[in-house]
């Protein structure tokens, strides 16, 4: 992870095949991710005006298969999750709001908010 004076943070995320990160969104944090290697099922659903996570169902139509060399931008209030179909490496660059996480589902029993 790195932080710099231009208000960006960076992470390298390694996700093993069959594992997934939280289904989550951010109130302030914006992030852009680039898939370096592997294959990932990306769940991606913006919350529209007036919606809450409770009224915004996430379905298969909100999923895509992400392949190396592609990037995705995740604005604030966008529900998202990464599930590795193969061992995968992602590069994340974001605003430095590292504790701005609202978890809707988590396989590791982490708290709903950091």
PDB file of N, CA and C in Angstrom:
ATOM      1  N   UNK A   1       0.850  -1.175   0.000  1.00  0.00           N
ATOM      2  CA  UNK A   1       0.000   0.000   0.000  1.00  0.00           C
ATOM      3  C   UNK A   1       0.892   1.234   0.000  1.00  0.00           C
ATOM      4  N   UNK A   2       0.443   2.297  -0.641  1.00  0.00           N
ATOM      5  CA  UNK A   2       1.162   3.563  -0.598  1.00  0.00           C
ATOM      6  C   UNK A   2       0.167   4.711  -0.504  1.00  0.00           C
ATOM      7  N   UNK A   3       0.615   5.788   0.110  1.00  0.00           N
ATOM      8  CA  UNK A   3      -0.131   7.045   0.161  1.00  0.00           C
ATOM      9  C   UNK A   3       0.806   8.122  -0.362  1.00  0.00           C
ATOM     10  N   UNK A   4       0.277   9.167  -0.981  1.00  0.00           N
ATOM     11  CA  UNK A   4       1.146  10.240  -1.428  1.00  0.00           C
ATOM     12  C   UNK A   4       0.465  11.582  -1.221  1.00  0.00           C
ATOM     13  N   UNK A   5       1.208  12.671  -1.356  1.00  0.00           N
ATOM     14  CA  UNK A   5       0.634  13.992  -1.077  1.00  0.00           C
ATOM     15  C   UNK A   5      -0.403  14.457  -2.086  1.00  0.00           C
ATOM     16  N   UNK A   6      -0.603  13.735  -3.176  1.00  0.00           N
ATOM     17  CA  UNK A   6      -1.606  14.119  -4.168  1.00  0.00           C
ATOM     18  C   UNK A   6      -2.955  13.488  -3.866  1.00  0.00           C
ATOM     19  N   UNK A   7      -3.106  12.903  -2.709  1.00  0.00           N
ATOM     20  CA  UNK A   7      -4.378  12.344  -2.231  1.00  0.00           C
ATOM     21  C   UNK A   7      -4.800  11.093  -2.989  1.00  0.00           C
ATOM     22  N   UNK A   8      -3.853  10.211  -3.248  1.00  0.00           N
ATOM     23  CA  UNK A   8      -4.142   8.899  -3.814  1.00  0.00           C
ATOM     24  C   UNK A   8      -3.545   7.836  -2.914  1.00  0.00           C
ATOM     25  N   UNK A   9      -4.166   6.676  -2.912  1.00  0.00           N
ATOM     26  CA  UNK A   9      -3.629   5.510  -2.211  1.00  0.00           C
ATOM     27  C   UNK A   9      -3.571   4.375  -3.219  1.00  0.00           C
ATOM     28  N   UNK A  10      -2.691   3.431  -2.994  1.00  0.00           N
ATOM     29  CA  UNK A  10      -2.591   2.291  -3.897  1.00  0.00           C
ATOM     30  C   UNK A  10      -2.447   0.997  -3.137  1.00  0.00           C
ATOM     31  N   UNK A  11      -2.957  -0.079  -3.716  1.00  0.00           N
ATOM     32  CA  UNK A  11      -2.865  -1.415  -3.117  1.00  0.00           C
ATOM     33  C   UNK A  11      -2.676  -2.431  -4.230  1.00  0.00           C
ATOM     34  N   UNK A  12      -1.998  -3.508  -3.897  1.00  0.00           N
ATOM     35  CA  UNK A  12      -1.974  -4.686  -4.750  1.00  0.00           C
ATOM     36  C   UNK A  12      -2.796  -5.736  -4.024  1.00  0.00           C
ATOM     37  N   UNK A  13      -3.858  -6.210  -4.662  1.00  0.00           N
ATOM     38  CA  UNK A  13      -4.750  -7.200  -4.057  1.00  0.00           C
ATOM     39  C   UNK A  13      -4.513  -8.546  -4.722  1.00  0.00           C
ATOM     40  N   UNK A  14      -4.179  -9.550  -3.923  1.00  0.00           N
ATOM     41  CA  UNK A  14      -4.028 -10.913  -4.422  1.00  0.00           C
ATOM     42  C   UNK A  14      -5.203 -11.718  -3.900  1.00  0.00           C
ATOM     43  N   UNK A  15      -5.988 -12.276  -4.806  1.00  0.00           N
ATOM     44  CA  UNK A  15      -7.182 -13.028  -4.419  1.00  0.00           C
ATOM     45  C   UNK A  15      -7.042 -14.439  -4.984  1.00  0.00           C
ATOM     46  N   UNK A  16      -7.092 -15.420  -4.111  1.00  0.00           N
ATOM     47  CA  UNK A  16      -6.954 -16.821  -4.512  1.00  0.00           C
ATOM     48  C   UNK A  16      -8.230 -17.311  -5.197  1.00  0.00           C
ATOM     49  N   UNK A  17      -8.072 -18.262  -6.097  1.00  0.00           N
ATOM     50  CA  UNK A  17      -9.209 -18.841  -6.816  1.00  0.00           C
ATOM     51  C   UNK A  17     -10.272 -19.321  -5.831  1.00  0.00           C
ATOM     52  N   UNK A  18     -11.525 -18.979  -6.096  1.00  0.00           N
ATOM     53  CA  UNK A  18     -12.634 -19.395  -5.246  1.00  0.00           C
ATOM     54  C   UNK A  18     -12.910 -18.473  -4.075  1.00  0.00           C
ATOM     55  N   UNK A  19     -12.057 -17.497  -3.837  1.00  0.00           N
ATOM     56  CA  UNK A  19     -12.260 -16.537  -2.743  1.00  0.00           C
ATOM     57  C   UNK A  19     -12.872 -15.261  -3.303  1.00  0.00           C
ATOM     58  N   UNK A  20     -13.552 -14.529  -2.426  1.00  0.00           N
ATOM     59  CA  UNK A  20     -14.150 -13.273  -2.854  1.00  0.00           C
ATOM     60  C   UNK A  20     -14.025 -12.243  -1.749  1.00  0.00           C
ATOM     61  N   UNK A  21     -14.046 -10.993  -2.156  1.00  0.00           N
ATOM     62  CA  UNK A  21     -13.992  -9.884  -1.220  1.00  0.00           C
ATOM     63  C   UNK A  21     -15.416  -9.508  -0.833  1.00  0.00           C
ATOM     64  N   UNK A  22     -15.542  -8.597   0.100  1.00  0.00           N
ATOM     65  CA  UNK A  22     -16.859  -8.172   0.578  1.00  0.00           C
ATOM     66  C   UNK A  22     -17.722  -7.619  -0.547  1.00  0.00           C
ATOM     67  N   UNK A  23     -19.033  -7.840  -0.433  1.00  0.00           N
ATOM     68  CA  UNK A  23     -19.992  -7.070  -1.217  1.00  0.00           C
ATOM     69  C   UNK A  23     -20.108  -5.761  -0.454  1.00  0.00           C
ATOM     70  N   UNK A  24     -19.730  -4.659  -1.072  1.00  0.00           N
ATOM     71  CA  UNK A  24     -19.563  -3.411  -0.327  1.00  0.00           C
ATOM     72  C   UNK A  24     -19.805  -2.198  -1.209  1.00  0.00           C
ATOM     73  N   UNK A  25     -19.846  -1.034  -0.553  1.00  0.00           N
ATOM     74  CA  UNK A  25     -19.815   0.237  -1.271  1.00  0.00           C
ATOM     75  C   UNK A  25     -19.124   1.251  -0.384  1.00  0.00           C
ATOM     76  N   UNK A  26     -18.853   2.424  -0.942  1.00  0.00           N
ATOM     77  CA  UNK A  26     -18.151   3.483  -0.218  1.00  0.00           C
ATOM     78  C   UNK A  26     -18.967   4.770  -0.294  1.00  0.00           C
ATOM     79  N   UNK A  27     -18.992   5.507   0.804  1.00  0.00           N
ATOM     80  CA  UNK A  27     -19.687   6.803   0.833  1.00  0.00           C
ATOM     81  C   UNK A  27     -18.819   7.922   0.252  1.00  0.00           C
ATOM     82  N   UNK A  28     -17.481   7.836   0.418  1.00  0.00           N
ATOM     83  CA  UNK A  28     -16.575   8.901  -0.033  1.00  0.00           C
ATOM     84  C   UNK A  28     -15.493   8.403  -0.987  1.00  0.00           C
ATOM     85  N   UNK A  29     -15.089   7.175  -0.838  1.00  0.00           N
ATOM     86  CA  UNK A  29     -13.946   6.634  -1.583  1.00  0.00           C
ATOM     87  C   UNK A  29     -14.315   6.325  -3.034  1.00  0.00           C
ATOM     88  N   UNK A  30     -13.453   6.748  -3.942  1.00  0.00           N
ATOM     89  CA  UNK A  30     -13.542   6.409  -5.356  1.00  0.00           C
ATOM     90  C   UNK A  30     -12.314   5.579  -5.684  1.00  0.00           C
ATOM     91  N   UNK A  31     -12.495   4.515  -6.463  1.00  0.00           N
ATOM     92  CA  UNK A  31     -11.348   3.668  -6.782  1.00  0.00           C
ATOM     93  C   UNK A  31     -11.369   3.244  -8.245  1.00  0.00           C
ATOM     94  N   UNK A  32     -10.180   3.008  -8.764  1.00  0.00           N
ATOM     95  CA  UNK A  32     -10.001   2.448 -10.098  1.00  0.00           C
ATOM     96  C   UNK A  32      -9.105   1.234  -9.944  1.00  0.00           C
ATOM     97  N   UNK A  33      -9.524   0.124 -10.537  1.00  0.00           N
ATOM     98  CA  UNK A  33      -8.767  -1.125 -10.425  1.00  0.00           C
ATOM     99  C   UNK A  33      -8.410  -1.642 -11.804  1.00  0.00           C
ATOM    100  N   UNK A  34      -7.236  -2.261 -11.872  1.00  0.00           N
ATOM    101  CA  UNK A  34      -6.715  -2.841 -13.103  1.00  0.00           C
ATOM    102  C   UNK A  34      -6.393  -4.295 -12.803  1.00  0.00           C
ATOM    103  N   UNK A  35      -6.898  -5.207 -13.614  1.00  0.00           N
ATOM    104  CA  UNK A  35      -6.634  -6.630 -13.401  1.00  0.00           C
ATOM    105  C   UNK A  35      -5.327  -6.995 -14.095  1.00  0.00           C
ATOM    106  N   UNK A  36      -4.319  -7.320 -13.269  1.00  0.00           N
ATOM    107  CA  UNK A  36      -3.003  -7.688 -13.792  1.00  0.00           C
ATOM    108  C   UNK A  36      -2.981  -9.122 -14.300  1.00  0.00           C
ATOM    109  N   UNK A  37      -3.602 -10.038 -13.534  1.00  0.00           N
ATOM    110  CA  UNK A  37      -3.593 -11.448 -13.936  1.00  0.00           C
ATOM    111  C   UNK A  37      -4.788 -12.160 -13.322  1.00  0.00           C
ATOM    112  N   UNK A  38      -5.141 -13.302 -13.920  1.00  0.00           N
ATOM    113  CA  UNK A  38      -6.258 -14.098 -13.426  1.00  0.00           C
ATOM    114  C   UNK A  38      -7.557 -13.755 -14.147  1.00  0.00           C
ATOM    115  N   UNK A  39      -8.651 -14.254 -13.573  1.00  0.00           N
ATOM    116  CA  UNK A  39     -10.006 -13.938 -14.053  1.00  0.00           C
ATOM    117  C   UNK A  39     -10.852 -13.700 -12.825  1.00  0.00           C
ATOM    118  N   UNK A  40     -11.690 -12.692 -12.895  1.00  0.00           N
ATOM    119  CA  UNK A  40     -12.486 -12.267 -11.744  1.00  0.00           C
ATOM    120  C   UNK A  40     -13.930 -12.059 -12.177  1.00  0.00           C
ATOM    121  N   UNK A  41     -14.861 -12.546 -11.355  1.00  0.00           N
ATOM    122  CA  UNK A  41     -16.270 -12.177 -11.539  1.00  0.00           C
ATOM    123  C   UNK A  41     -16.477 -10.873 -10.776  1.00  0.00           C
ATOM    124  N   UNK A  42     -16.846  -9.840 -11.504  1.00  0.00           N
ATOM    125  CA  UNK A  42     -17.050  -8.521 -10.927  1.00  0.00           C
ATOM    126  C   UNK A  42     -18.541  -8.268 -10.797  1.00  0.00           C
ATOM    127  N   UNK A  43     -18.985  -7.989  -9.575  1.00  0.00           N
ATOM    128  CA  UNK A  43     -20.351  -7.541  -9.315  1.00  0.00           C
ATOM    129  C   UNK A  43     -20.281  -6.024  -9.190  1.00  0.00           C
ATOM    130  N   UNK A  44     -21.160  -5.319  -9.915  1.00  0.00           N
ATOM    131  CA  UNK A  44     -21.059  -3.865 -10.017  1.00  0.00           C
ATOM    132  C   UNK A  44     -22.461  -3.298 -10.201  1.00  0.00           C
ATOM    133  N   UNK A  45     -22.923  -2.529  -9.201  1.00  0.00           N
ATOM    134  CA  UNK A  45     -24.265  -1.950  -9.305  1.00  0.00           C
ATOM    135  C   UNK A  45     -24.305  -0.590  -8.620  1.00  0.00           C
ATOM    136  N   UNK A  46     -24.421   0.499  -9.398  1.00  0.00           N
ATOM    137  CA  UNK A  46     -24.538   1.821  -8.792  1.00  0.00           C
ATOM    138  C   UNK A  46     -25.851   1.954  -8.014  1.00  0.00           C
ATOM    139  N   UNK A  47     -25.788   2.648  -6.891  1.00  0.00           N
ATOM    140  CA  UNK A  47     -27.011   3.012  -6.170  1.00  0.00           C
ATOM    141  C   UNK A  47     -27.566   4.268  -6.835  1.00  0.00           C
ATOM    142  N   UNK A  48     -28.792   4.216  -7.284  1.00  0.00           N
ATOM    143  CA  UNK A  48     -29.411   5.351  -7.950  1.00  0.00           C
ATOM    144  C   UNK A  48     -29.992   6.319  -6.924  1.00  0.00           C
ATOM    145  N   UNK A  49     -30.342   7.507  -7.360  1.00  0.00           N
ATOM    146  CA  UNK A  49     -30.904   8.522  -6.468  1.00  0.00           C
ATOM    147  C   UNK A  49     -32.102   7.953  -5.723  1.00  0.00           C
ATOM    148  N   UNK A  50     -32.102   8.101  -4.420  1.00  0.00           N
ATOM    149  CA  UNK A  50     -33.203   7.631  -3.593  1.00  0.00           C
ATOM    150  C   UNK A  50     -33.110   6.176  -3.171  1.00  0.00           C
ATOM    151  N   UNK A  51     -32.192   5.411  -3.761  1.00  0.00           N
ATOM    152  CA  UNK A  51     -32.042   4.000  -3.390  1.00  0.00           C
ATOM    153  C   UNK A  51     -31.135   3.854  -2.173  1.00  0.00           C
ATOM    154  N   UNK A  52     -31.375   2.799  -1.444  1.00  0.00           N
ATOM    155  CA  UNK A  52     -30.447   2.369  -0.401  1.00  0.00           C
ATOM    156  C   UNK A  52     -30.018   0.957  -0.757  1.00  0.00           C
ATOM    157  N   UNK A  53     -29.002   0.455  -0.064  1.00  0.00           N
ATOM    158  CA  UNK A  53     -28.564  -0.912  -0.376  1.00  0.00           C
ATOM    159  C   UNK A  53     -29.686  -1.916  -0.125  1.00  0.00           C
ATOM    160  N   UNK A  54     -30.603  -1.598   0.794  1.00  0.00           N
ATOM    161  CA  UNK A  54     -31.709  -2.516   1.098  1.00  0.00           C
ATOM    162  C   UNK A  54     -32.752  -2.550  -0.024  1.00  0.00           C
ATOM    163  N   UNK A  55     -32.832  -1.477  -0.809  1.00  0.00           N
ATOM    164  CA  UNK A  55     -33.831  -1.418  -1.882  1.00  0.00           C
ATOM    165  C   UNK A  55     -33.212  -1.604  -3.266  1.00  0.00           C
ATOM    166  N   UNK A  56     -31.944  -1.979  -3.307  1.00  0.00           N
ATOM    167  CA  UNK A  56     -31.230  -2.116  -4.581  1.00  0.00           C
ATOM    168  C   UNK A  56     -30.719  -3.546  -4.726  1.00  0.00           C
ATOM    169  N   UNK A  57     -31.539  -4.450  -5.239  1.00  0.00           N
ATOM    170  CA  UNK A  57     -31.096  -5.838  -5.353  1.00  0.00           C
ATOM    171  C   UNK A  57     -29.937  -5.981  -6.336  1.00  0.00           C
ATOM    172  N   UNK A  58     -29.025  -6.868  -5.993  1.00  0.00           N
ATOM    173  CA  UNK A  58     -27.902  -7.186  -6.871  1.00  0.00           C
ATOM    174  C   UNK A  58     -28.185  -8.559  -7.467  1.00  0.00           C
ATOM    175  N   UNK A  59     -28.232  -8.632  -8.799  1.00  0.00           N
ATOM    176  CA  UNK A  59     -28.574  -9.875  -9.488  1.00  0.00           C
ATOM    177  C   UNK A  59     -27.474 -10.235 -10.487  1.00  0.00           C
ATOM    178  N   UNK A  60     -27.653 -11.363 -11.154  1.00  0.00           N
ATOM    179  CA  UNK A  60     -26.667 -11.823 -12.140  1.00  0.00           C
ATOM    180  C   UNK A  60     -26.467 -10.815 -13.267  1.00  0.00           C
ATOM    181  N   UNK A  61     -27.466  -9.989 -13.546  1.00  0.00           N
ATOM    182  CA  UNK A  61     -27.296  -8.991 -14.610  1.00  0.00           C
ATOM    183  C   UNK A  61     -26.287  -7.914 -14.231  1.00  0.00           C
ATOM    184  N   UNK A  62     -25.892  -7.870 -12.959  1.00  0.00           N
ATOM    185  CA  UNK A  62     -24.896  -6.909 -12.488  1.00  0.00           C
ATOM    186  C   UNK A  62     -23.501  -7.532 -12.412  1.00  0.00           C
ATOM    187  N   UNK A  63     -23.304  -8.681 -13.027  1.00  0.00           N
ATOM    188  CA  UNK A  63     -22.018  -9.387 -12.971  1.00  0.00           C
ATOM    189  C   UNK A  63     -21.389  -9.473 -14.361  1.00  0.00           C
ATOM    190  N   UNK A  64     -20.077  -9.316 -14.397  1.00  0.00           N
ATOM    191  CA  UNK A  64     -19.323  -9.515 -15.634  1.00  0.00           C
ATOM    192  C   UNK A  64     -18.072 -10.322 -15.302  1.00  0.00           C
ATOM    193  N   UNK A  65     -17.507 -10.967 -16.308  1.00  0.00           N
ATOM    194  CA  UNK A  65     -16.227 -11.640 -16.132  1.00  0.00           C
ATOM    195  C   UNK A  65     -15.150 -10.663 -16.584  1.00  0.00           C
ATOM    196  N   UNK A  66     -14.223 -10.415 -15.685  1.00  0.00           N
ATOM    197  CA  UNK A  66     -13.179  -9.415 -15.873  1.00  0.00           C
ATOM    198  C   UNK A  66     -11.900 -10.145 -16.243  1.00  0.00           C
ATOM    199  N   UNK A  67     -11.224  -9.698 -17.298  1.00  0.00           N
ATOM    200  CA  UNK A  67     -10.018 -10.361 -17.783  1.00  0.00           C
ATOM    201  C   UNK A  67      -8.820  -9.414 -17.707  1.00  0.00           C
ATOM    202  N   UNK A  68      -7.610  -9.959 -17.693  1.00  0.00           N
ATOM    203  CA  UNK A  68      -6.409  -9.124 -17.558  1.00  0.00           C
ATOM    204  C   UNK A  68      -6.327  -8.037 -18.629  1.00  0.00           C
ATOM    205  N   UNK A  69      -5.798  -6.901 -18.197  1.00  0.00           N
ATOM    206  CA  UNK A  69      -5.627  -5.771 -19.098  1.00  0.00           C
ATOM    207  C   UNK A  69      -6.781  -4.795 -19.084  1.00  0.00           C
ATOM    208  N   UNK A  70      -7.856  -5.132 -18.387  1.00  0.00           N
ATOM    209  CA  UNK A  70      -9.014  -4.239 -18.308  1.00  0.00           C
ATOM    210  C   UNK A  70      -9.035  -3.523 -16.965  1.00  0.00           C
ATOM    211  N   UNK A  71      -9.556  -2.312 -16.976  1.00  0.00           N
ATOM    212  CA  UNK A  71      -9.690  -1.517 -15.759  1.00  0.00           C
ATOM    213  C   UNK A  71     -11.163  -1.234 -15.509  1.00  0.00           C
ATOM    214  N   UNK A  72     -11.492  -0.986 -14.251  1.00  0.00           N
ATOM    215  CA  UNK A  72     -12.856  -0.610 -13.888  1.00  0.00           C
ATOM    216  C   UNK A  72     -12.769   0.554 -12.902  1.00  0.00           C
ATOM    217  N   UNK A  73     -13.629   1.541 -13.097  1.00  0.00           N
ATOM    218  CA  UNK A  73     -13.714   2.682 -12.187  1.00  0.00           C
ATOM    219  C   UNK A  73     -14.943   2.487 -11.312  1.00  0.00           C
ATOM    220  N   UNK A  74     -14.774   2.657 -10.008  1.00  0.00           N
ATOM    221  CA  UNK A  74     -15.877   2.463  -9.065  1.00  0.00           C
ATOM    222  C   UNK A  74     -16.133   3.784  -8.343  1.00  0.00           C
ATOM    223  N   UNK A  75     -17.172   4.512  -8.764  1.00  0.00           N
ATOM    224  CA  UNK A  75     -17.521   5.762  -8.089  1.00  0.00           C
ATOM    225  C   UNK A  75     -18.134   5.493  -6.710  1.00  0.00           C
ATOM    226  N   UNK A  76     -18.298   6.552  -5.945  1.00  0.00           N
ATOM    227  CA  UNK A  76     -18.957   6.423  -4.645  1.00  0.00           C
ATOM    228  C   UNK A  76     -20.352   5.835  -4.839  1.00  0.00           C
ATOM    229  N   UNK A  77     -20.832   5.145  -3.792  1.00  0.00           N
ATOM    230  CA  UNK A  77     -22.173   4.556  -3.754  1.00  0.00           C
ATOM    231  C   UNK A  77     -22.413   3.557  -4.887  1.00  0.00           C
ATOM    232  N   UNK A  78     -21.379   2.789  -5.208  1.00  0.00           N
ATOM    233  CA  UNK A  78     -21.497   1.707  -6.179  1.00  0.00           C
ATOM    234  C   UNK A  78     -21.235   0.391  -5.457  1.00  0.00           C
ATOM    235  N   UNK A  79     -22.243  -0.458  -5.392  1.00  0.00           N
ATOM    236  CA  UNK A  79     -22.084  -1.773  -4.771  1.00  0.00           C
ATOM    237  C   UNK A  79     -21.166  -2.591  -5.671  1.00  0.00           C
ATOM    238  N   UNK A  80     -20.171  -3.242  -5.054  1.00  0.00           N
ATOM    239  CA  UNK A  80     -19.234  -4.027  -5.853  1.00  0.00           C
ATOM    240  C   UNK A  80     -18.636  -5.175  -5.041  1.00  0.00           C
ATOM    241  N   UNK A  81     -18.181  -6.176  -5.785  1.00  0.00           N
ATOM    242  CA  UNK A  81     -17.504  -7.338  -5.193  1.00  0.00           C
ATOM    243  C   UNK A  81     -16.612  -7.953  -6.270  1.00  0.00           C
ATOM    244  N   UNK A  82     -15.486  -8.506  -5.833  1.00  0.00           N
ATOM    245  CA  UNK A  82     -14.573  -9.224  -6.715  1.00  0.00           C
ATOM    246  C   UNK A  82     -14.484 -10.661  -6.234  1.00  0.00           C
ATOM    247  N   UNK A  83     -14.741 -11.609  -7.135  1.00  0.00           N
ATOM    248  CA  UNK A  83     -14.625 -13.035  -6.828  1.00  0.00           C
ATOM    249  C   UNK A  83     -13.649 -13.652  -7.820  1.00  0.00           C
ATOM    250  N   UNK A  84     -12.565 -14.226  -7.312  1.00  0.00           N
ATOM    251  CA  UNK A  84     -11.528 -14.779  -8.184  1.00  0.00           C
ATOM    252  C   UNK A  84     -11.959 -16.131  -8.742  1.00  0.00           C
ATOM    253  N   UNK A  85     -11.987 -16.230 -10.055  1.00  0.00           N
ATOM    254  CA  UNK A  85     -12.261 -17.501 -10.721  1.00  0.00           C
ATOM    255  C   UNK A  85     -10.962 -18.279 -10.903  1.00  0.00           C
ATOM    256  N   UNK A  86      -9.845 -17.557 -10.895  1.00  0.00           N
ATOM    257  CA  UNK A  86      -8.483 -18.095 -10.900  1.00  0.00           C
ATOM    258  C   UNK A  86      -7.693 -17.241  -9.916  1.00  0.00           C
ATOM    259  N   UNK A  87      -6.523 -17.705  -9.484  1.00  0.00           N
ATOM    260  CA  UNK A  87      -5.660 -16.830  -8.698  1.00  0.00           C
ATOM    261  C   UNK A  87      -5.502 -15.525  -9.474  1.00  0.00           C
ATOM    262  N   UNK A  88      -5.739 -14.389  -8.803  1.00  0.00           N
ATOM    263  CA  UNK A  88      -5.794 -13.103  -9.503  1.00  0.00           C
ATOM    264  C   UNK A  88      -5.026 -12.037  -8.746  1.00  0.00           C
ATOM    265  N   UNK A  89      -4.494 -11.077  -9.499  1.00  0.00           N
ATOM    266  CA  UNK A  89      -3.797  -9.933  -8.918  1.00  0.00           C
ATOM    267  C   UNK A  89      -4.424  -8.669  -9.498  1.00  0.00           C
ATOM    268  N   UNK A  90      -4.881  -7.787  -8.594  1.00  0.00           N
ATOM    269  CA  UNK A  90      -5.517  -6.532  -8.973  1.00  0.00           C
ATOM    270  C   UNK A  90      -4.693  -5.376  -8.430  1.00  0.00           C
ATOM    271  N   UNK A  91      -4.591  -4.321  -9.185  1.00  0.00           N
ATOM    272  CA  UNK A  91      -3.947  -3.095  -8.743  1.00  0.00           C
ATOM    273  C   UNK A  91      -5.046  -2.070  -8.503  1.00  0.00           C
ATOM    274  N   UNK A  92      -5.094  -1.523  -7.285  1.00  0.00           N
ATOM    275  CA  UNK A  92      -6.113  -0.529  -6.930  1.00  0.00           C
ATOM    276  C   UNK A  92      -5.457   0.812  -6.674  1.00  0.00           C
ATOM    277  N   UNK A  93      -6.005   1.861  -7.268  1.00  0.00           N
ATOM    278  CA  UNK A  93      -5.633   3.239  -6.975  1.00  0.00           C
ATOM    279  C   UNK A  93      -6.919   3.937  -6.563  1.00  0.00           C
ATOM    280  N   UNK A  94      -6.874   4.638  -5.415  1.00  0.00           N
ATOM    281  CA  UNK A  94      -8.108   5.223  -4.883  1.00  0.00           C
ATOM    282  C   UNK A  94      -7.827   6.524  -4.155  1.00  0.00           C
ATOM    283  N   UNK A  95      -8.912   7.207  -3.809  1.00  0.00           N
ATOM    284  CA  UNK A  95      -8.795   8.306  -2.869  1.00  0.00           C
ATOM    285  C   UNK A  95      -8.387   7.689  -1.533  1.00  0.00           C
ATOM    286  N   UNK A  96      -7.779   8.458  -0.639  1.00  0.00           N
ATOM    287  CA  UNK A  96      -7.192   7.856   0.561  1.00  0.00           C
ATOM    288  C   UNK A  96      -8.166   7.568   1.702  1.00  0.00           C
ATOM    289  N   UNK A  97      -9.435   7.437   1.428  1.00  0.00           N
ATOM    290  CA  UNK A  97     -10.436   7.150   2.462  1.00  0.00           C
ATOM    291  C   UNK A  97     -10.448   5.649   2.757  1.00  0.00           C
ATOM    292  N   UNK A  98      -9.362   5.136   3.310  1.00  0.00           N
ATOM    293  CA  UNK A  98      -9.163   3.692   3.419  1.00  0.00           C
ATOM    294  C   UNK A  98     -10.127   3.003   4.382  1.00  0.00           C
ATOM    295  N   UNK A  99     -10.727   3.733   5.296  1.00  0.00           N
ATOM    296  CA  UNK A  99     -11.675   3.110   6.229  1.00  0.00           C
ATOM    297  C   UNK A  99     -13.130   3.322   5.812  1.00  0.00           C
ATOM    298  N   UNK A 100     -13.349   3.900   4.652  1.00  0.00           N
ATOM    299  CA  UNK A 100     -14.709   4.141   4.156  1.00  0.00           C
ATOM    300  C   UNK A 100     -15.212   2.885   3.440  1.00  0.00           C
ATOM    301  N   UNK A 101     -15.696   1.935   4.227  1.00  0.00           N
ATOM    302  CA  UNK A 101     -16.217   0.677   3.685  1.00  0.00           C
ATOM    303  C   UNK A 101     -17.539   0.368   4.375  1.00  0.00           C
ATOM    304  N   UNK A 102     -18.584   0.140   3.594  1.00  0.00           N
ATOM    305  CA  UNK A 102     -19.853  -0.352   4.121  1.00  0.00           C
ATOM    306  C   UNK A 102     -20.032  -1.749   3.537  1.00  0.00           C
ATOM    307  N   UNK A 103     -19.852  -2.769   4.389  1.00  0.00           N
ATOM    308  CA  UNK A 103     -19.950  -4.159   3.935  1.00  0.00           C
ATOM    309  C   UNK A 103     -21.397  -4.635   4.032  1.00  0.00           C
ATOM    310  N   UNK A 104     -21.898  -5.162   2.925  1.00  0.00           N
ATOM    311  CA  UNK A 104     -23.250  -5.710   2.893  1.00  0.00           C
ATOM    312  C   UNK A 104     -23.227  -7.213   3.132  1.00  0.00           C
ATOM    313  N   UNK A 105     -22.174  -7.876   2.660  1.00  0.00           N
ATOM    314  CA  UNK A 105     -21.936  -9.306   2.904  1.00  0.00           C
ATOM    315  C   UNK A 105     -20.433  -9.490   3.008  1.00  0.00           C
ATOM    316  N   UNK A 106     -20.013 -10.391   3.900  1.00  0.00           N
ATOM    317  CA  UNK A 106     -18.582 -10.630   4.053  1.00  0.00           C
ATOM    318  C   UNK A 106     -18.347 -12.066   4.487  1.00  0.00           C
ATOM    319  N   UNK A 107     -17.522 -12.789   3.748  1.00  0.00           N
ATOM    320  CA  UNK A 107     -17.233 -14.193   4.052  1.00  0.00           C
ATOM    321  C   UNK A 107     -16.325 -14.359   5.263  1.00  0.00           C
ATOM    322  N   UNK A 108     -15.743 -13.265   5.762  1.00  0.00           N
ATOM    323  CA  UNK A 108     -14.761 -13.341   6.841  1.00  0.00           C
ATOM    324  C   UNK A 108     -15.268 -12.716   8.140  1.00  0.00           C
ATOM    325  N   UNK A 109     -16.562 -12.435   8.219  1.00  0.00           N
ATOM    326  CA  UNK A 109     -17.215 -11.914   9.432  1.00  0.00           C
ATOM    327  C   UNK A 109     -16.604 -10.600   9.920  1.00  0.00           C
ATOM    328  N   UNK A 110     -16.131  -9.781   8.996  1.00  0.00           N
ATOM    329  CA  UNK A 110     -15.636  -8.463   9.384  1.00  0.00           C
ATOM    330  C   UNK A 110     -16.832  -7.553   9.666  1.00  0.00           C
ATOM    331  N   UNK A 111     -16.625  -6.485  10.436  1.00  0.00           N
ATOM    332  CA  UNK A 111     -17.749  -5.596  10.767  1.00  0.00           C
ATOM    333  C   UNK A 111     -18.317  -4.919   9.523  1.00  0.00           C
ATOM    334  N   UNK A 112     -19.575  -4.519   9.608  1.00  0.00           N
ATOM    335  CA  UNK A 112     -20.253  -3.873   8.483  1.00  0.00           C
ATOM    336  C   UNK A 112     -19.572  -2.566   8.095  1.00  0.00           C
ATOM    337  N   UNK A 113     -19.021  -1.871   9.067  1.00  0.00           N
ATOM    338  CA  UNK A 113     -18.299  -0.614   8.800  1.00  0.00           C
ATOM    339  C   UNK A 113     -16.952  -0.659   9.491  1.00  0.00           C
ATOM    340  N   UNK A 114     -15.939  -0.149   8.782  1.00  0.00           N
ATOM    341  CA  UNK A 114     -14.597  -0.051   9.384  1.00  0.00           C
ATOM    342  C   UNK A 114     -14.497   1.204  10.209  1.00  0.00           C
TER     343      UNK A 114
END
